[in-house]
Amino acid sequence: MWFDSTPVGQDPPLRNPRASTIYPSGDRALTLGINWTLNRFTKIQVNGIREQLDDPERNPVPNGAAFWSRVIRFQFVL
């Protein structure tokens, strides 16, 4: 059942991912990673992620510039 009088897809675009019409945006990402196995019980993974978001309200950097994120993971096996 649908209780809204507005047809689907006719709403103004919103940034909410659950909106019927989603605001268009572009995302670009580049991921570079290194795995280092110290021994058979320990592994270290390092990733660098360069991201650029076209939507200025979602971009954490002013002026829509690209930004880097870093992720480090330590894995131990018993």
N, C-alpha and C. Protein backbone atom coordinates (compact mmCIF):
# COMPACT_ATOMS: atom_id res chain seq x y z
N MET A 1 0.83 -1.18 0.00
CA MET A 1 0.00 0.00 0.00
C MET A 1 0.87 1.24 0.00
N TRP A 2 0.45 2.22 -0.73
CA TRP A 2 1.18 3.47 -0.81
C TRP A 2 0.25 4.60 -0.40
N PHE A 3 0.61 5.37 0.63
CA PHE A 3 -0.26 6.40 1.18
C PHE A 3 0.12 7.80 0.76
N ASP A 4 1.12 7.95 -0.07
CA ASP A 4 1.57 9.26 -0.51
C ASP A 4 0.88 9.61 -1.83
N SER A 5 0.51 10.87 -1.99
CA SER A 5 -0.17 11.27 -3.23
C SER A 5 0.83 11.65 -4.33
N THR A 6 2.12 11.78 -4.01
CA THR A 6 3.13 12.15 -4.99
C THR A 6 3.65 10.88 -5.66
N PRO A 7 3.69 10.82 -7.00
CA PRO A 7 4.23 9.64 -7.68
C PRO A 7 5.71 9.44 -7.34
N VAL A 8 6.13 8.20 -7.34
CA VAL A 8 7.53 7.87 -7.05
C VAL A 8 8.42 8.45 -8.13
N GLY A 9 9.55 9.08 -7.71
CA GLY A 9 10.49 9.67 -8.65
C GLY A 9 10.20 11.12 -8.97
N GLN A 10 9.11 11.67 -8.46
CA GLN A 10 8.76 13.06 -8.73
C GLN A 10 9.18 13.99 -7.59
N ASP A 11 9.70 13.45 -6.49
CA ASP A 11 10.12 14.25 -5.36
C ASP A 11 11.42 14.97 -5.68
N PRO A 12 11.71 16.06 -4.97
CA PRO A 12 13.02 16.69 -5.17
C PRO A 12 14.13 15.78 -4.65
N PRO A 13 15.30 15.79 -5.25
CA PRO A 13 16.37 14.89 -4.80
C PRO A 13 16.86 15.26 -3.41
N LEU A 14 17.10 14.23 -2.59
CA LEU A 14 17.60 14.40 -1.23
C LEU A 14 18.88 13.61 -1.06
N ARG A 15 19.68 13.96 -0.04
CA ARG A 15 20.94 13.25 0.22
C ARG A 15 20.73 12.00 1.06
N ASN A 16 19.55 11.78 1.58
CA ASN A 16 19.23 10.60 2.37
C ASN A 16 19.23 9.37 1.46
N PRO A 17 19.95 8.29 1.81
CA PRO A 17 19.98 7.11 0.94
C PRO A 17 18.63 6.39 0.84
N ARG A 18 17.68 6.70 1.71
CA ARG A 18 16.37 6.06 1.66
C ARG A 18 15.34 6.92 0.92
N ALA A 19 15.75 8.06 0.37
CA ALA A 19 14.82 8.93 -0.36
C ALA A 19 14.38 8.27 -1.65
N SER A 20 13.19 8.62 -2.13
CA SER A 20 12.71 8.04 -3.38
C SER A 20 13.50 8.57 -4.58
N THR A 21 13.98 9.81 -4.49
CA THR A 21 14.85 10.38 -5.52
C THR A 21 16.14 10.80 -4.84
N ILE A 22 17.26 10.15 -5.18
CA ILE A 22 18.54 10.38 -4.51
C ILE A 22 19.30 11.48 -5.22
N TYR A 23 19.94 12.36 -4.43
CA TYR A 23 20.75 13.44 -4.96
C TYR A 23 21.95 12.85 -5.71
N PRO A 24 22.17 13.26 -6.96
CA PRO A 24 23.30 12.69 -7.72
C PRO A 24 24.64 13.20 -7.17
N SER A 25 25.58 12.31 -7.06
CA SER A 25 26.92 12.69 -6.61
C SER A 25 27.93 11.72 -7.22
N GLY A 26 29.16 12.14 -7.25
CA GLY A 26 30.21 11.29 -7.78
C GLY A 26 31.28 11.07 -6.72
N ASP A 27 31.75 9.86 -6.65
CA ASP A 27 32.80 9.50 -5.71
C ASP A 27 33.91 8.80 -6.48
N ARG A 28 35.15 9.15 -6.15
CA ARG A 28 36.29 8.48 -6.75
C ARG A 28 37.22 8.05 -5.62
N ALA A 29 37.74 6.84 -5.72
CA ALA A 29 38.63 6.31 -4.69
C ALA A 29 39.75 5.49 -5.32
N LEU A 30 40.94 5.62 -4.75
CA LEU A 30 42.09 4.83 -5.15
C LEU A 30 42.65 4.21 -3.88
N THR A 31 42.85 2.90 -3.88
CA THR A 31 43.36 2.19 -2.71
C THR A 31 44.69 1.55 -3.03
N LEU A 32 45.67 1.81 -2.18
CA LEU A 32 46.99 1.20 -2.30
C LEU A 32 47.27 0.46 -1.00
N GLY A 33 47.79 -0.76 -1.09
CA GLY A 33 48.00 -1.53 0.12
C GLY A 33 49.27 -2.36 0.10
N ILE A 34 49.74 -2.66 1.29
CA ILE A 34 50.92 -3.50 1.48
C ILE A 34 50.59 -4.54 2.55
N ASN A 35 50.95 -5.79 2.30
CA ASN A 35 50.84 -6.86 3.29
C ASN A 35 52.24 -7.29 3.68
N TRP A 36 52.44 -7.45 4.99
CA TRP A 36 53.74 -7.88 5.49
C TRP A 36 53.51 -9.02 6.46
N THR A 37 54.03 -10.19 6.12
CA THR A 37 53.92 -11.36 6.98
C THR A 37 55.21 -11.48 7.78
N LEU A 38 55.12 -11.22 9.09
CA LEU A 38 56.30 -11.28 9.95
C LEU A 38 56.74 -12.72 10.16
N ASN A 39 55.79 -13.59 10.48
CA ASN A 39 56.03 -15.02 10.62
C ASN A 39 54.69 -15.70 10.33
N ARG A 40 54.60 -17.00 10.57
CA ARG A 40 53.35 -17.68 10.20
C ARG A 40 52.20 -17.35 11.14
N PHE A 41 52.46 -16.62 12.23
CA PHE A 41 51.42 -16.28 13.19
C PHE A 41 50.99 -14.81 13.13
N THR A 42 51.75 -13.95 12.46
CA THR A 42 51.50 -12.52 12.51
C THR A 42 51.56 -11.91 11.10
N LYS A 43 50.58 -11.06 10.80
CA LYS A 43 50.56 -10.35 9.52
C LYS A 43 50.12 -8.91 9.77
N ILE A 44 50.74 -7.98 9.08
CA ILE A 44 50.38 -6.56 9.16
C ILE A 44 49.93 -6.12 7.77
N GLN A 45 48.78 -5.45 7.71
CA GLN A 45 48.26 -4.91 6.46
C GLN A 45 48.12 -3.39 6.60
N VAL A 46 48.62 -2.66 5.61
CA VAL A 46 48.55 -1.19 5.61
C VAL A 46 47.89 -0.77 4.30
N ASN A 47 46.86 0.07 4.39
CA ASN A 47 46.17 0.59 3.21
C ASN A 47 46.13 2.11 3.26
N GLY A 48 46.34 2.72 2.11
CA GLY A 48 46.14 4.16 1.94
C GLY A 48 45.04 4.36 0.92
N ILE A 49 44.05 5.19 1.25
CA ILE A 49 42.89 5.39 0.39
C ILE A 49 42.80 6.87 0.06
N ARG A 50 42.86 7.21 -1.23
CA ARG A 50 42.69 8.60 -1.68
C ARG A 50 41.27 8.72 -2.21
N GLU A 51 40.50 9.62 -1.62
CA GLU A 51 39.09 9.77 -1.97
C GLU A 51 38.80 11.21 -2.40
N GLN A 52 37.83 11.35 -3.30
CA GLN A 52 37.34 12.66 -3.69
C GLN A 52 35.84 12.56 -3.88
N LEU A 53 35.09 13.39 -3.16
CA LEU A 53 33.64 13.41 -3.24
C LEU A 53 33.20 14.69 -3.93
N ASP A 54 32.29 14.57 -4.89
CA ASP A 54 31.82 15.74 -5.62
C ASP A 54 30.81 16.57 -4.83
N ASP A 55 30.11 15.96 -3.89
CA ASP A 55 29.11 16.67 -3.09
C ASP A 55 29.82 17.45 -1.97
N PRO A 56 29.76 18.79 -1.98
CA PRO A 56 30.49 19.57 -0.97
C PRO A 56 29.97 19.37 0.45
N GLU A 57 28.74 18.96 0.63
CA GLU A 57 28.21 18.74 1.99
C GLU A 57 28.68 17.42 2.58
N ARG A 58 29.09 16.47 1.77
CA ARG A 58 29.58 15.18 2.26
C ARG A 58 31.09 15.13 2.35
N ASN A 59 31.78 16.06 1.69
CA ASN A 59 33.24 16.06 1.66
C ASN A 59 33.78 16.68 2.96
N PRO A 60 34.64 15.97 3.71
CA PRO A 60 35.16 16.53 4.95
C PRO A 60 36.24 17.59 4.75
N VAL A 61 36.73 17.74 3.52
CA VAL A 61 37.77 18.72 3.21
C VAL A 61 37.12 19.89 2.47
N PRO A 62 37.46 21.13 2.83
CA PRO A 62 36.86 22.28 2.13
C PRO A 62 37.26 22.34 0.66
N ASN A 63 36.44 22.98 -0.14
CA ASN A 63 36.66 23.21 -1.57
C ASN A 63 36.63 21.94 -2.41
N GLY A 64 36.12 20.84 -1.89
CA GLY A 64 35.99 19.62 -2.66
C GLY A 64 37.30 18.95 -3.00
N ALA A 65 38.35 19.22 -2.23
CA ALA A 65 39.65 18.64 -2.51
C ALA A 65 39.68 17.16 -2.13
N ALA A 66 40.63 16.43 -2.70
CA ALA A 66 40.81 15.02 -2.38
C ALA A 66 41.47 14.89 -1.00
N PHE A 67 41.23 13.77 -0.35
CA PHE A 67 41.81 13.54 0.97
C PHE A 67 42.24 12.09 1.09
N TRP A 68 43.15 11.83 2.02
CA TRP A 68 43.70 10.50 2.24
C TRP A 68 43.18 9.92 3.54
N SER A 69 42.90 8.63 3.55
CA SER A 69 42.56 7.88 4.75
C SER A 69 43.57 6.75 4.89
N ARG A 70 43.90 6.40 6.13
CA ARG A 70 44.87 5.34 6.38
C ARG A 70 44.22 4.26 7.24
N VAL A 71 44.52 3.01 6.91
CA VAL A 71 44.00 1.88 7.67
C VAL A 71 45.15 0.92 7.94
N ILE A 72 45.30 0.52 9.19
CA ILE A 72 46.31 -0.47 9.58
C ILE A 72 45.60 -1.62 10.27
N ARG A 73 45.95 -2.84 9.89
CA ARG A 73 45.32 -4.03 10.47
C ARG A 73 46.42 -4.98 10.94
N PHE A 74 46.30 -5.45 12.16
CA PHE A 74 47.19 -6.46 12.72
C PHE A 74 46.41 -7.75 12.84
N GLN A 75 46.94 -8.84 12.29
CA GLN A 75 46.26 -10.12 12.32
C GLN A 75 47.16 -11.14 13.02
N PHE A 76 46.60 -11.78 14.04
CA PHE A 76 47.31 -12.80 14.81
C PHE A 76 46.57 -14.12 14.68
N VAL A 77 47.31 -15.18 14.48
CA VAL A 77 46.73 -16.52 14.37
C VAL A 77 47.15 -17.33 15.59
N LEU A 78 46.22 -18.02 16.17
CA LEU A 78 46.53 -18.87 17.34
C LEU A 78 46.79 -20.29 16.92
